C-alpha atoms as a PDB file:
ATOM      1  CA  MET A   1       1.727   3.683  14.295  1.00  0.00           C
ATOM      2  CA  LEU A   2       3.769   0.601  13.763  1.00  0.00           C
ATOM      3  CA  ILE A   3       2.560  -2.591  15.422  1.00  0.00           C
ATOM      4  CA  ASP A   4       5.513  -5.624  16.059  1.00  0.00           C
ATOM      5  CA  LEU A   5       4.507  -8.657  16.967  1.00  0.00           C
ATOM      6  CA  ARG A   6       6.369 -11.281  18.721  1.00  0.00           C
ATOM      7  CA  GLY A   7       5.264 -14.630  19.294  1.00  0.00           C
ATOM      8  CA  ALA A   8       2.899 -13.997  16.384  1.00  0.00           C
ATOM      9  CA  THR A   9       2.373 -12.926  12.345  1.00  0.00           C
ATOM     10  CA  LEU A  10       0.452 -11.117  10.798  1.00  0.00           C
ATOM     11  CA  GLU A  11      -1.493 -11.450   8.211  1.00  0.00           C
ATOM     12  CA  ARG A  12      -0.408  -8.763   6.298  1.00  0.00           C
ATOM     13  CA  ARG A  13       1.768  -6.302   6.284  1.00  0.00           C
ATOM     14  CA  PHE A  14       0.714  -2.798   8.907  1.00  0.00           C
ATOM     15  CA  THR A  15      -0.516   0.427   7.299  1.00  0.00           C
ATOM     16  CA  ALA A  16      -1.530   3.146   9.088  1.00  0.00           C
ATOM     17  CA  THR A  17      -4.479   3.730   7.376  1.00  0.00           C
ATOM     18  CA  GLU A  18      -5.911   0.516   7.756  1.00  0.00           C
ATOM     19  CA  HIS A  19      -7.447  -0.547  11.246  1.00  0.00           C
ATOM     20  CA  GLU A  20      -8.436  -4.644  11.737  1.00  0.00           C
ATOM     21  CA  TYR A  21      -5.662  -6.839  11.400  1.00  0.00           C
ATOM     22  CA  ARG A  22      -5.731 -10.814  12.029  1.00  0.00           C
ATOM     23  CA  ALA A  23      -2.848 -12.321  14.165  1.00  0.00           C
ATOM     24  CA  LYS A  24      -1.520 -16.255  14.173  1.00  0.00           C
ATOM     25  CA  VAL A  25       0.007 -17.289  17.048  1.00  0.00           C
ATOM     26  CA  ALA A  26       2.987 -18.912  16.885  1.00  0.00           C
ATOM     27  CA  GLY A  27       2.309 -22.022  19.537  1.00  0.00           C
ATOM     28  CA  ARG A  28       1.707 -21.876  22.753  1.00  0.00           C
ATOM     29  CA  GLY A  29       3.830 -19.776  23.890  1.00  0.00           C
ATOM     30  CA  PRO A  30       3.488 -16.287  24.861  1.00  0.00           C
ATOM     31  CA  VAL A  31       2.147 -13.181  23.134  1.00  0.00           C
ATOM     32  CA  THR A  32       3.837  -9.672  23.041  1.00  0.00           C
ATOM     33  CA  LEU A  33       3.437  -6.262  21.100  1.00  0.00           C
ATOM     34  CA  LEU A  34       4.863  -3.641  20.621  1.00  0.00           C
ATOM     35  CA  ALA A  35       3.083  -0.354  18.999  1.00  0.00           C
ATOM     36  CA  TRP A  36       4.798   3.351  18.601  1.00  0.00           C
ATOM     37  CA  PRO A  37       2.670   5.581  17.381  1.00  0.00           C
ATOM     38  CA  SER A  38       3.637   7.918  14.229  1.00  0.00           C
ATOM     39  CA  SER A  39       3.131  10.866  16.129  1.00  0.00           C
ATOM     40  CA  SER A  40       5.524  11.912  19.444  1.00  0.00           C
ATOM     41  CA  ARG A  41       2.318  14.024  20.338  1.00  0.00           C
ATOM     42  CA  ILE A  42      -0.349  12.198  22.080  1.00  0.00           C
ATOM     43  CA  GLN A  43      -2.318  12.356  24.482  1.00  0.00           C
ATOM     44  CA  SER A  44      -1.911   8.379  25.981  1.00  0.00           C
ATOM     45  CA  LEU A  45      -1.919   5.130  23.717  1.00  0.00           C
ATOM     46  CA  THR A  46      -3.812   1.685  25.683  1.00  0.00           C
ATOM     47  CA  ILE A  47      -3.473  -1.386  24.597  1.00  0.00           C
ATOM     48  CA  ASP A  48      -6.818  -3.793  25.705  1.00  0.00           C
ATOM     49  CA  GLY A  49      -7.778  -1.108  27.936  1.00  0.00           C
ATOM     50  CA  LYS A  50      -4.505  -0.305  29.764  1.00  0.00           C
ATOM     51  CA  ARG A  51      -2.071   2.436  29.195  1.00  0.00           C
ATOM     52  CA  VAL A  52       0.916   1.808  27.539  1.00  0.00           C
ATOM     53  CA  LYS A  53       3.828   3.836  26.935  1.00  0.00           C
ATOM     54  CA  PRO A  54       4.705   3.828  22.937  1.00  0.00           C
ATOM     55  CA  GLY A  55       7.057   1.262  22.005  1.00  0.00           C
ATOM     56  CA  ALA A  56       7.265  -0.640  25.366  1.00  0.00           C
ATOM     57  CA  ALA A  57       7.174  -4.550  25.356  1.00  0.00           C
ATOM     58  CA  PHE A  58       2.822  -5.722  26.140  1.00  0.00           C
ATOM     59  CA  ASP A  59       2.309  -8.395  27.167  1.00  0.00           C
ATOM     60  CA  VAL A  60      -0.815 -10.300  26.018  1.00  0.00           C
ATOM     61  CA  PRO A  61      -3.041 -12.999  28.440  1.00  0.00           C
ATOM     62  CA  HIS A  62      -4.207 -15.192  25.885  1.00  0.00           C
ATOM     63  CA  GLY A  63      -5.502 -18.066  26.803  1.00  0.00           C
ATOM     64  CA  SER A  64      -8.735 -18.359  24.325  1.00  0.00           C
ATOM     65  CA  ASP A  65      -8.356 -19.555  20.906  1.00  0.00           C
ATOM     66  CA  SER A  66      -9.088 -16.027  19.836  1.00  0.00           C
ATOM     67  CA  LYS A  67      -8.302 -12.724  21.122  1.00  0.00           C
ATOM     68  CA  THR A  68      -9.679  -9.051  19.571  1.00  0.00           C
ATOM     69  CA  LEU A  69      -6.691  -6.105  21.344  1.00  0.00           C
ATOM     70  CA  PRO A  70      -7.895  -2.952  20.473  1.00  0.00           C
ATOM     71  CA  ILE A  71      -5.091  -0.501  20.144  1.00  0.00           C
ATOM     72  CA  VAL A  72      -6.328   3.289  20.558  1.00  0.00           C
ATOM     73  CA  VAL A  73      -4.270   6.217  20.285  1.00  0.00           C
ATOM     74  CA  THR A  74      -5.171   9.382  21.783  1.00  0.00           C
ATOM     75  CA  ALA A  75      -4.526  13.098  20.537  1.00  0.00           C
ATOM     76  CA  ALA A  76      -2.711  16.283  22.145  1.00  0.00           C
ATOM     77  CA  ASP A  77      -6.026  17.592  22.388  1.00  0.00           C
ATOM     78  CA  GLY A  78      -7.834  14.359  24.590  1.00  0.00           C
ATOM     79  CA  GLN A  79     -10.728  14.022  21.885  1.00  0.00           C
ATOM     80  CA  THR A  80      -9.160  12.537  18.549  1.00  0.00           C
ATOM     81  CA  THR A  81      -8.596   8.430  18.892  1.00  0.00           C
ATOM     82  CA  GLN A  82      -7.619   6.360  16.562  1.00  0.00           C
ATOM     83  CA  THR A  83      -8.668   3.005  16.875  1.00  0.00           C
ATOM     84  CA  TYR A  84      -6.721  -0.522  15.622  1.00  0.00           C
ATOM     85  CA  HIS A  85      -7.576  -3.959  16.508  1.00  0.00           C
ATOM     86  CA  VAL A  86      -5.287  -6.924  15.587  1.00  0.00           C
ATOM     87  CA  THR A  87      -7.111 -11.021  16.043  1.00  0.00           C
ATOM     88  CA  LEU A  88      -5.107 -12.814  17.116  1.00  0.00           C
ATOM     89  CA  SER A  89      -5.827 -16.905  16.697  1.00  0.00           C
ATOM     90  CA  ARG A  90      -4.007 -20.517  17.127  1.00  0.00           C
END
């Protein structure tokens, strides 16, 4: 899994073995999240409960001081999942 943020900076480098992350939002501008599963053999990818295509830009609705985004990758078997959380804060 790879994650890229625009408009925010992860506090530490992303690794697929860690599942909890924090990011600092730069100013009041928009935040965009991109996620790519490490395998092309997945059934689905959701960010904040919305299904997205791997690598597609996901605009984060972020009106509060803190927001946690769950990123769920579902394997091709439809049952195995990996969940990552990115908490955005201003």
